[in-house]
């Protein structure tokens, strides 16, 4: 079984989401019972919507339980080294010497707008294993990008 690396805050978010979905289960069952009481189920939109939502919630619960059971929680403050690894915060210089900062995180925590990229993203895959002052070429949908690794931090 493959481990799913993530930061502690990502793990906490997954467990909170799971708790919220589990709390929704009884409300869905109540909605199904109420819709069932209206009679004919073949043309009962409320019943079909509630059953569909129940299926969605159960699938999401299963997915979250799977990720949580395989979670490998990594605390970047306990890491060190001179190479880019999971949890590292990397400052890059682009072609115009403009600094760009990314933290390499798990898939569930990725948020590119806030500088958090998944370890499976093209940029992260190009960075992992590299050191300060190394050049990195990344092929992204908009074309090839070149970066220079300026700083590696574990915060």
N, C-alpha and C. Protein backbone atom coordinates (compact mmCIF):
# COMPACT_ATOMS: atom_id res chain seq x y z
N UNK A 1 0.85 -1.18 0.00
CA UNK A 1 0.00 0.00 0.00
C UNK A 1 0.89 1.24 0.00
N UNK A 2 0.69 2.10 -0.97
CA UNK A 2 1.53 3.30 -1.13
C UNK A 2 1.12 4.38 -0.14
N UNK A 3 2.11 4.93 0.54
CA UNK A 3 1.86 6.00 1.50
C UNK A 3 1.53 7.29 0.76
N UNK A 4 0.75 8.16 1.40
CA UNK A 4 0.39 9.46 0.84
C UNK A 4 1.05 10.52 1.72
N UNK A 5 2.15 11.12 1.25
CA UNK A 5 2.80 12.14 2.09
C UNK A 5 1.97 13.41 2.17
N UNK A 6 1.94 14.01 3.36
CA UNK A 6 1.22 15.26 3.56
C UNK A 6 1.73 15.95 4.81
N UNK A 7 1.48 17.24 4.88
CA UNK A 7 1.84 18.00 6.07
C UNK A 7 0.75 17.80 7.12
N UNK A 8 1.05 18.14 8.37
CA UNK A 8 0.09 17.96 9.46
C UNK A 8 -1.20 18.72 9.20
N UNK A 9 -1.09 19.95 8.67
CA UNK A 9 -2.30 20.74 8.43
C UNK A 9 -3.18 20.10 7.35
N UNK A 10 -2.56 19.45 6.37
CA UNK A 10 -3.33 18.74 5.35
C UNK A 10 -4.07 17.56 5.95
N UNK A 11 -3.41 16.85 6.86
CA UNK A 11 -4.03 15.72 7.55
C UNK A 11 -5.22 16.20 8.38
N UNK A 12 -5.03 17.32 9.09
CA UNK A 12 -6.11 17.87 9.92
C UNK A 12 -7.30 18.29 9.07
N UNK A 13 -7.03 18.85 7.89
CA UNK A 13 -8.11 19.26 6.99
C UNK A 13 -8.88 18.03 6.50
N UNK A 14 -8.15 16.97 6.15
CA UNK A 14 -8.82 15.75 5.69
C UNK A 14 -9.71 15.16 6.79
N UNK A 15 -9.20 15.11 8.02
CA UNK A 15 -10.00 14.54 9.12
C UNK A 15 -11.21 15.43 9.42
N UNK A 16 -11.06 16.76 9.30
CA UNK A 16 -12.20 17.66 9.51
C UNK A 16 -13.25 17.47 8.42
N UNK A 17 -12.80 17.31 7.17
CA UNK A 17 -13.73 17.07 6.06
C UNK A 17 -14.47 15.75 6.27
N UNK A 18 -13.74 14.73 6.71
CA UNK A 18 -14.35 13.42 6.96
C UNK A 18 -15.41 13.52 8.07
N UNK A 19 -15.08 14.24 9.12
CA UNK A 19 -16.02 14.41 10.24
C UNK A 19 -17.29 15.13 9.76
N UNK A 20 -17.13 16.15 8.91
CA UNK A 20 -18.28 16.89 8.40
C UNK A 20 -19.15 16.00 7.52
N UNK A 21 -18.53 15.18 6.68
CA UNK A 21 -19.30 14.28 5.82
C UNK A 21 -20.04 13.22 6.63
N UNK A 22 -19.39 12.71 7.66
CA UNK A 22 -20.05 11.72 8.52
C UNK A 22 -21.24 12.35 9.25
N UNK A 23 -21.11 13.63 9.61
CA UNK A 23 -22.21 14.32 10.28
C UNK A 23 -23.38 14.56 9.32
N UNK A 24 -23.09 14.60 8.01
CA UNK A 24 -24.13 14.83 7.01
C UNK A 24 -24.96 13.58 6.75
N UNK A 25 -24.40 12.42 7.04
CA UNK A 25 -25.09 11.15 6.76
C UNK A 25 -26.51 11.10 7.34
N UNK A 26 -26.70 11.38 8.64
CA UNK A 26 -28.07 11.28 9.19
C UNK A 26 -29.04 12.26 8.52
N UNK A 27 -28.57 13.45 8.13
CA UNK A 27 -29.46 14.42 7.47
C UNK A 27 -29.90 13.89 6.11
N UNK A 28 -29.01 13.19 5.41
CA UNK A 28 -29.37 12.62 4.11
C UNK A 28 -30.40 11.51 4.29
N UNK A 29 -30.20 10.67 5.31
CA UNK A 29 -31.14 9.58 5.57
C UNK A 29 -32.52 10.17 5.90
N UNK A 30 -32.53 11.26 6.69
CA UNK A 30 -33.81 11.92 7.01
C UNK A 30 -34.47 12.46 5.74
N UNK A 31 -33.68 13.04 4.85
CA UNK A 31 -34.22 13.59 3.60
C UNK A 31 -34.79 12.48 2.73
N UNK A 32 -34.13 11.33 2.71
CA UNK A 32 -34.62 10.19 1.93
C UNK A 32 -35.94 9.69 2.50
N UNK A 33 -36.00 9.57 3.83
CA UNK A 33 -37.24 9.10 4.48
C UNK A 33 -38.40 10.07 4.24
N UNK A 34 -38.10 11.36 4.31
CA UNK A 34 -39.14 12.37 4.09
C UNK A 34 -39.65 12.31 2.65
N UNK A 35 -38.70 12.19 1.71
CA UNK A 35 -39.08 12.11 0.30
C UNK A 35 -39.85 10.83 0.01
N UNK A 36 -39.46 9.74 0.67
CA UNK A 36 -40.13 8.45 0.48
C UNK A 36 -41.58 8.53 0.96
N UNK A 37 -41.81 9.34 1.98
CA UNK A 37 -43.15 9.48 2.54
C UNK A 37 -44.11 10.19 1.58
N UNK A 38 -43.56 10.89 0.59
CA UNK A 38 -44.39 11.60 -0.37
C UNK A 38 -45.04 10.67 -1.38
N UNK A 39 -44.70 9.40 -1.35
CA UNK A 39 -45.37 8.45 -2.23
C UNK A 39 -44.52 7.97 -3.39
N UNK A 40 -45.09 7.99 -4.58
CA UNK A 40 -44.50 7.44 -5.80
C UNK A 40 -43.04 7.88 -5.98
N UNK A 41 -42.11 6.90 -5.95
CA UNK A 41 -40.68 7.21 -6.03
C UNK A 41 -40.21 7.42 -7.47
N UNK A 42 -40.97 6.93 -8.44
CA UNK A 42 -40.50 7.03 -9.82
C UNK A 42 -40.43 8.47 -10.32
N UNK A 43 -41.28 9.34 -9.80
CA UNK A 43 -41.28 10.74 -10.23
C UNK A 43 -40.99 11.68 -9.06
N UNK A 44 -40.27 11.19 -8.08
CA UNK A 44 -40.00 11.98 -6.88
C UNK A 44 -38.57 12.54 -6.97
N UNK A 45 -38.45 13.79 -7.42
CA UNK A 45 -37.14 14.41 -7.61
C UNK A 45 -36.37 14.56 -6.30
N UNK A 46 -37.08 14.86 -5.23
CA UNK A 46 -36.42 15.02 -3.92
C UNK A 46 -35.77 13.71 -3.49
N UNK A 47 -36.47 12.62 -3.71
CA UNK A 47 -35.94 11.31 -3.34
C UNK A 47 -34.68 10.99 -4.16
N UNK A 48 -34.76 11.21 -5.47
CA UNK A 48 -33.62 10.89 -6.34
C UNK A 48 -32.42 11.80 -6.03
N UNK A 49 -32.69 13.07 -5.72
CA UNK A 49 -31.60 13.98 -5.37
C UNK A 49 -30.93 13.55 -4.06
N UNK A 50 -31.74 13.16 -3.09
CA UNK A 50 -31.19 12.72 -1.80
C UNK A 50 -30.39 11.43 -1.96
N UNK A 51 -30.88 10.50 -2.78
CA UNK A 51 -30.15 9.25 -3.01
C UNK A 51 -28.83 9.52 -3.74
N UNK A 52 -28.86 10.45 -4.69
CA UNK A 52 -27.64 10.80 -5.42
C UNK A 52 -26.63 11.44 -4.46
N UNK A 53 -27.10 12.33 -3.62
CA UNK A 53 -26.20 12.97 -2.65
C UNK A 53 -25.64 11.92 -1.69
N UNK A 54 -26.45 10.95 -1.30
CA UNK A 54 -25.97 9.89 -0.42
C UNK A 54 -24.82 9.12 -1.09
N UNK A 55 -24.96 8.83 -2.36
CA UNK A 55 -23.90 8.13 -3.09
C UNK A 55 -22.63 8.96 -3.17
N UNK A 56 -22.79 10.27 -3.41
CA UNK A 56 -21.62 11.16 -3.48
C UNK A 56 -20.90 11.20 -2.13
N UNK A 57 -21.67 11.36 -1.06
CA UNK A 57 -21.08 11.46 0.28
C UNK A 57 -20.35 10.17 0.65
N UNK A 58 -20.97 9.03 0.35
CA UNK A 58 -20.33 7.75 0.68
C UNK A 58 -19.03 7.58 -0.10
N UNK A 59 -19.03 7.99 -1.37
CA UNK A 59 -17.80 7.90 -2.17
C UNK A 59 -16.71 8.81 -1.61
N UNK A 60 -17.09 10.03 -1.23
CA UNK A 60 -16.10 10.97 -0.67
C UNK A 60 -15.57 10.46 0.67
N UNK A 61 -16.45 9.89 1.49
CA UNK A 61 -16.02 9.32 2.77
C UNK A 61 -15.02 8.20 2.53
N UNK A 62 -15.31 7.31 1.59
CA UNK A 62 -14.39 6.21 1.28
C UNK A 62 -13.04 6.73 0.81
N UNK A 63 -13.04 7.75 -0.04
CA UNK A 63 -11.81 8.33 -0.55
C UNK A 63 -11.00 8.96 0.59
N UNK A 64 -11.66 9.73 1.45
CA UNK A 64 -10.96 10.37 2.57
C UNK A 64 -10.41 9.33 3.56
N UNK A 65 -11.21 8.31 3.86
CA UNK A 65 -10.74 7.26 4.77
C UNK A 65 -9.50 6.57 4.20
N UNK A 66 -9.49 6.34 2.89
CA UNK A 66 -8.34 5.72 2.24
C UNK A 66 -7.10 6.61 2.38
N UNK A 67 -7.25 7.90 2.06
CA UNK A 67 -6.10 8.81 2.16
C UNK A 67 -5.60 8.93 3.60
N UNK A 68 -6.51 9.01 4.55
CA UNK A 68 -6.12 9.14 5.95
C UNK A 68 -5.40 7.89 6.43
N UNK A 69 -5.89 6.72 6.00
CA UNK A 69 -5.26 5.47 6.45
C UNK A 69 -3.85 5.31 5.88
N UNK A 70 -3.59 5.92 4.72
CA UNK A 70 -2.27 5.80 4.10
C UNK A 70 -1.40 7.03 4.33
N UNK A 71 -1.89 7.97 5.15
CA UNK A 71 -1.17 9.23 5.35
C UNK A 71 0.19 9.02 6.00
N UNK A 72 1.16 9.72 5.47
CA UNK A 72 2.49 9.78 6.07
C UNK A 72 2.72 11.27 6.36
N UNK A 73 2.57 11.62 7.63
CA UNK A 73 2.65 13.03 8.02
C UNK A 73 4.11 13.45 8.13
N UNK A 74 4.43 14.52 7.43
CA UNK A 74 5.81 15.02 7.41
C UNK A 74 5.82 16.44 7.95
N UNK A 75 6.71 16.69 8.92
CA UNK A 75 6.87 18.02 9.50
C UNK A 75 8.13 18.63 8.89
N UNK A 76 7.98 19.64 8.03
CA UNK A 76 9.16 20.21 7.35
C UNK A 76 10.18 20.83 8.30
N UNK A 77 9.75 21.25 9.51
CA UNK A 77 10.70 21.86 10.43
C UNK A 77 11.70 20.85 10.98
N UNK A 78 11.39 19.56 10.85
CA UNK A 78 12.33 18.53 11.33
C UNK A 78 13.28 18.09 10.22
N UNK A 79 13.09 18.62 9.02
CA UNK A 79 13.92 18.23 7.89
C UNK A 79 15.08 19.20 7.72
N UNK A 80 16.09 18.74 7.04
CA UNK A 80 17.22 19.62 6.71
C UNK A 80 17.93 19.02 5.51
N UNK A 81 18.91 19.72 5.03
CA UNK A 81 19.67 19.21 3.90
C UNK A 81 19.85 20.30 2.87
N UNK A 82 20.58 19.93 1.83
CA UNK A 82 20.87 20.90 0.79
C UNK A 82 20.20 20.55 -0.53
N UNK A 83 19.28 19.58 -0.49
CA UNK A 83 18.55 19.19 -1.69
C UNK A 83 17.06 19.45 -1.48
N UNK A 84 16.37 19.69 -2.60
CA UNK A 84 14.93 19.90 -2.55
C UNK A 84 14.24 18.55 -2.32
N UNK A 85 13.40 18.49 -1.28
CA UNK A 85 12.62 17.29 -0.96
C UNK A 85 11.20 17.71 -0.60
N UNK A 86 10.34 16.74 -0.35
CA UNK A 86 8.97 17.02 0.07
C UNK A 86 9.00 17.91 1.31
N UNK A 87 8.16 18.93 1.35
CA UNK A 87 8.07 19.82 2.49
C UNK A 87 8.98 21.04 2.40
N UNK A 88 9.94 21.01 1.49
CA UNK A 88 10.87 22.14 1.36
C UNK A 88 10.17 23.35 0.76
N UNK A 89 10.60 24.52 1.20
CA UNK A 89 10.16 25.77 0.59
C UNK A 89 11.32 26.27 -0.26
N UNK A 90 11.08 26.41 -1.55
CA UNK A 90 12.13 26.72 -2.51
C UNK A 90 11.90 28.09 -3.11
N UNK A 91 12.94 28.92 -3.08
CA UNK A 91 12.89 30.22 -3.75
C UNK A 91 13.63 30.08 -5.07
N UNK A 92 12.94 30.38 -6.15
CA UNK A 92 13.50 30.26 -7.49
C UNK A 92 13.62 31.65 -8.11
N UNK A 93 14.53 31.78 -9.03
CA UNK A 93 14.63 32.99 -9.83
C UNK A 93 14.25 32.61 -11.26
N UNK A 94 13.28 33.32 -11.83
CA UNK A 94 12.89 33.01 -13.21
C UNK A 94 13.83 33.67 -14.20
N UNK A 95 13.49 33.60 -15.47
CA UNK A 95 14.37 34.14 -16.51
C UNK A 95 14.67 35.63 -16.34
N UNK A 96 13.76 36.35 -15.67
CA UNK A 96 13.92 37.79 -15.45
C UNK A 96 14.48 38.10 -14.06
N UNK A 97 15.03 37.10 -13.39
CA UNK A 97 15.54 37.21 -12.02
C UNK A 97 14.47 37.64 -11.02
N UNK A 98 13.23 37.34 -11.35
CA UNK A 98 12.13 37.62 -10.43
C UNK A 98 11.97 36.41 -9.50
N UNK A 99 11.96 36.64 -8.18
CA UNK A 99 11.85 35.49 -7.27
C UNK A 99 10.43 34.89 -7.26
N UNK A 100 10.40 33.56 -7.21
CA UNK A 100 9.16 32.80 -7.10
C UNK A 100 9.37 31.80 -5.98
N UNK A 101 8.39 31.71 -5.07
CA UNK A 101 8.56 30.83 -3.91
C UNK A 101 7.48 29.75 -3.92
N UNK A 102 7.91 28.49 -3.76
CA UNK A 102 6.99 27.36 -3.70
C UNK A 102 7.33 26.47 -2.52
N UNK A 103 6.28 25.91 -1.91
CA UNK A 103 6.48 24.85 -0.93
C UNK A 103 5.94 23.57 -1.56
N UNK A 104 6.71 22.50 -1.45
CA UNK A 104 6.30 21.23 -2.05
C UNK A 104 5.50 20.46 -1.00
N UNK A 105 4.22 20.20 -1.34
CA UNK A 105 3.28 19.60 -0.39
C UNK A 105 2.58 18.41 -1.04
N UNK A 106 1.67 17.80 -0.28
CA UNK A 106 0.89 16.67 -0.79
C UNK A 106 -0.18 17.13 -1.77
N UNK A 107 -0.74 16.18 -2.49
CA UNK A 107 -1.74 16.50 -3.51
C UNK A 107 -2.97 17.18 -2.93
N UNK A 108 -3.40 16.76 -1.76
CA UNK A 108 -4.61 17.34 -1.17
C UNK A 108 -4.39 18.74 -0.64
N UNK A 109 -3.14 19.14 -0.45
CA UNK A 109 -2.83 20.45 0.12
C UNK A 109 -2.43 21.48 -0.93
N UNK A 110 -2.25 21.04 -2.16
CA UNK A 110 -1.74 21.92 -3.20
C UNK A 110 -2.67 23.10 -3.44
N UNK A 111 -2.07 24.28 -3.56
CA UNK A 111 -2.78 25.52 -3.84
C UNK A 111 -1.78 26.46 -4.50
N UNK A 112 -1.68 26.38 -5.81
CA UNK A 112 -0.65 27.13 -6.54
C UNK A 112 -0.76 28.63 -6.31
N UNK A 113 -1.98 29.13 -6.11
CA UNK A 113 -2.15 30.57 -5.89
C UNK A 113 -1.48 31.03 -4.60
N UNK A 114 -1.31 30.10 -3.65
CA UNK A 114 -0.65 30.43 -2.39
C UNK A 114 0.76 29.85 -2.32
N UNK A 115 1.32 29.47 -3.46
CA UNK A 115 2.69 28.99 -3.50
C UNK A 115 2.90 27.58 -2.98
N UNK A 116 1.84 26.79 -2.95
CA UNK A 116 1.95 25.39 -2.48
C UNK A 116 1.66 24.48 -3.66
N UNK A 117 2.69 23.73 -4.08
CA UNK A 117 2.54 22.86 -5.25
C UNK A 117 2.68 21.40 -4.85
N UNK A 118 1.92 20.56 -5.52
CA UNK A 118 1.96 19.13 -5.25
C UNK A 118 3.30 18.54 -5.69
N UNK A 119 3.77 17.57 -4.94
CA UNK A 119 5.02 16.89 -5.28
C UNK A 119 4.93 16.16 -6.61
N UNK A 120 3.70 15.99 -7.12
CA UNK A 120 3.52 15.32 -8.41
C UNK A 120 3.44 16.31 -9.57
N UNK A 121 3.46 17.61 -9.28
CA UNK A 121 3.37 18.62 -10.34
C UNK A 121 4.66 18.65 -11.15
N UNK A 122 4.59 19.14 -12.38
CA UNK A 122 5.81 19.19 -13.21
C UNK A 122 6.93 20.00 -12.57
N UNK A 123 6.59 21.13 -11.97
CA UNK A 123 7.64 21.96 -11.36
C UNK A 123 8.29 21.24 -10.19
N UNK A 124 7.47 20.66 -9.31
CA UNK A 124 8.02 19.95 -8.14
C UNK A 124 8.87 18.76 -8.57
N UNK A 125 8.40 18.01 -9.55
CA UNK A 125 9.18 16.85 -10.02
C UNK A 125 10.53 17.30 -10.58
N UNK A 126 10.55 18.47 -11.23
CA UNK A 126 11.82 18.98 -11.77
C UNK A 126 12.74 19.46 -10.65
N UNK A 127 12.16 19.94 -9.55
CA UNK A 127 12.95 20.50 -8.45
C UNK A 127 13.52 19.44 -7.51
N UNK A 128 12.76 18.38 -7.26
CA UNK A 128 13.16 17.39 -6.25
C UNK A 128 14.52 16.80 -6.60
N UNK A 129 15.40 16.83 -5.59
CA UNK A 129 16.75 16.29 -5.75
C UNK A 129 17.77 17.33 -6.18
N UNK A 130 17.31 18.52 -6.54
CA UNK A 130 18.23 19.57 -6.98
C UNK A 130 18.75 20.37 -5.79
N UNK A 131 19.84 21.13 -6.03
CA UNK A 131 20.48 21.92 -4.98
C UNK A 131 20.49 23.39 -5.36
N UNK A 132 20.88 24.24 -4.40
CA UNK A 132 21.00 25.68 -4.63
C UNK A 132 21.98 25.93 -5.78
N UNK A 133 21.67 26.92 -6.59
CA UNK A 133 22.45 27.34 -7.77
C UNK A 133 22.34 26.39 -8.95
N UNK A 134 21.48 25.39 -8.88
CA UNK A 134 21.26 24.53 -10.04
C UNK A 134 20.15 25.15 -10.89
N UNK A 135 20.27 24.98 -12.20
CA UNK A 135 19.23 25.44 -13.10
C UNK A 135 18.25 24.31 -13.34
N UNK A 136 16.97 24.69 -13.47
CA UNK A 136 15.91 23.72 -13.66
C UNK A 136 15.10 24.13 -14.88
N UNK A 137 14.84 23.17 -15.76
CA UNK A 137 13.98 23.42 -16.91
C UNK A 137 12.68 22.66 -16.69
N UNK A 138 11.56 23.37 -16.83
CA UNK A 138 10.25 22.77 -16.60
C UNK A 138 9.40 22.97 -17.85
N UNK A 139 8.82 21.89 -18.33
CA UNK A 139 7.90 21.99 -19.45
C UNK A 139 6.49 22.07 -18.89
N UNK A 140 5.85 23.20 -19.11
CA UNK A 140 4.48 23.44 -18.66
C UNK A 140 3.62 23.73 -19.89
N UNK A 141 2.29 23.73 -19.73
CA UNK A 141 1.44 23.94 -20.89
C UNK A 141 1.77 25.21 -21.70
N UNK A 142 2.26 26.25 -21.01
CA UNK A 142 2.56 27.50 -21.73
C UNK A 142 3.95 27.48 -22.37
N UNK A 143 4.68 26.37 -22.23
CA UNK A 143 6.00 26.26 -22.85
C UNK A 143 7.06 25.89 -21.83
N UNK A 144 8.33 25.99 -22.25
CA UNK A 144 9.43 25.67 -21.34
C UNK A 144 9.77 26.87 -20.47
N UNK A 145 9.99 26.61 -19.18
CA UNK A 145 10.40 27.65 -18.24
C UNK A 145 11.74 27.25 -17.65
N UNK A 146 12.56 28.25 -17.38
CA UNK A 146 13.87 28.01 -16.78
C UNK A 146 13.94 28.73 -15.45
N UNK A 147 14.41 28.05 -14.42
CA UNK A 147 14.54 28.62 -13.09
C UNK A 147 15.94 28.33 -12.55
N UNK A 148 16.38 29.19 -11.65
CA UNK A 148 17.61 28.98 -10.90
C UNK A 148 17.20 28.85 -9.45
N UNK A 149 17.64 27.77 -8.78
CA UNK A 149 17.30 27.59 -7.37
C UNK A 149 18.14 28.55 -6.55
N UNK A 150 17.47 29.47 -5.87
CA UNK A 150 18.14 30.51 -5.10
C UNK A 150 18.29 30.11 -3.62
N UNK A 151 17.24 29.48 -3.07
CA UNK A 151 17.28 29.15 -1.64
C UNK A 151 16.37 27.97 -1.36
N UNK A 152 16.78 27.10 -0.42
CA UNK A 152 15.98 25.96 0.04
C UNK A 152 15.83 26.12 1.54
N UNK A 153 14.56 26.15 1.99
CA UNK A 153 14.28 26.29 3.43
C UNK A 153 13.35 25.18 3.89
N UNK A 154 13.41 24.90 5.16
CA UNK A 154 12.50 23.92 5.76
C UNK A 154 11.79 24.61 6.90
N UNK A 155 10.64 25.20 6.59
CA UNK A 155 9.90 25.98 7.58
C UNK A 155 8.51 25.42 7.79
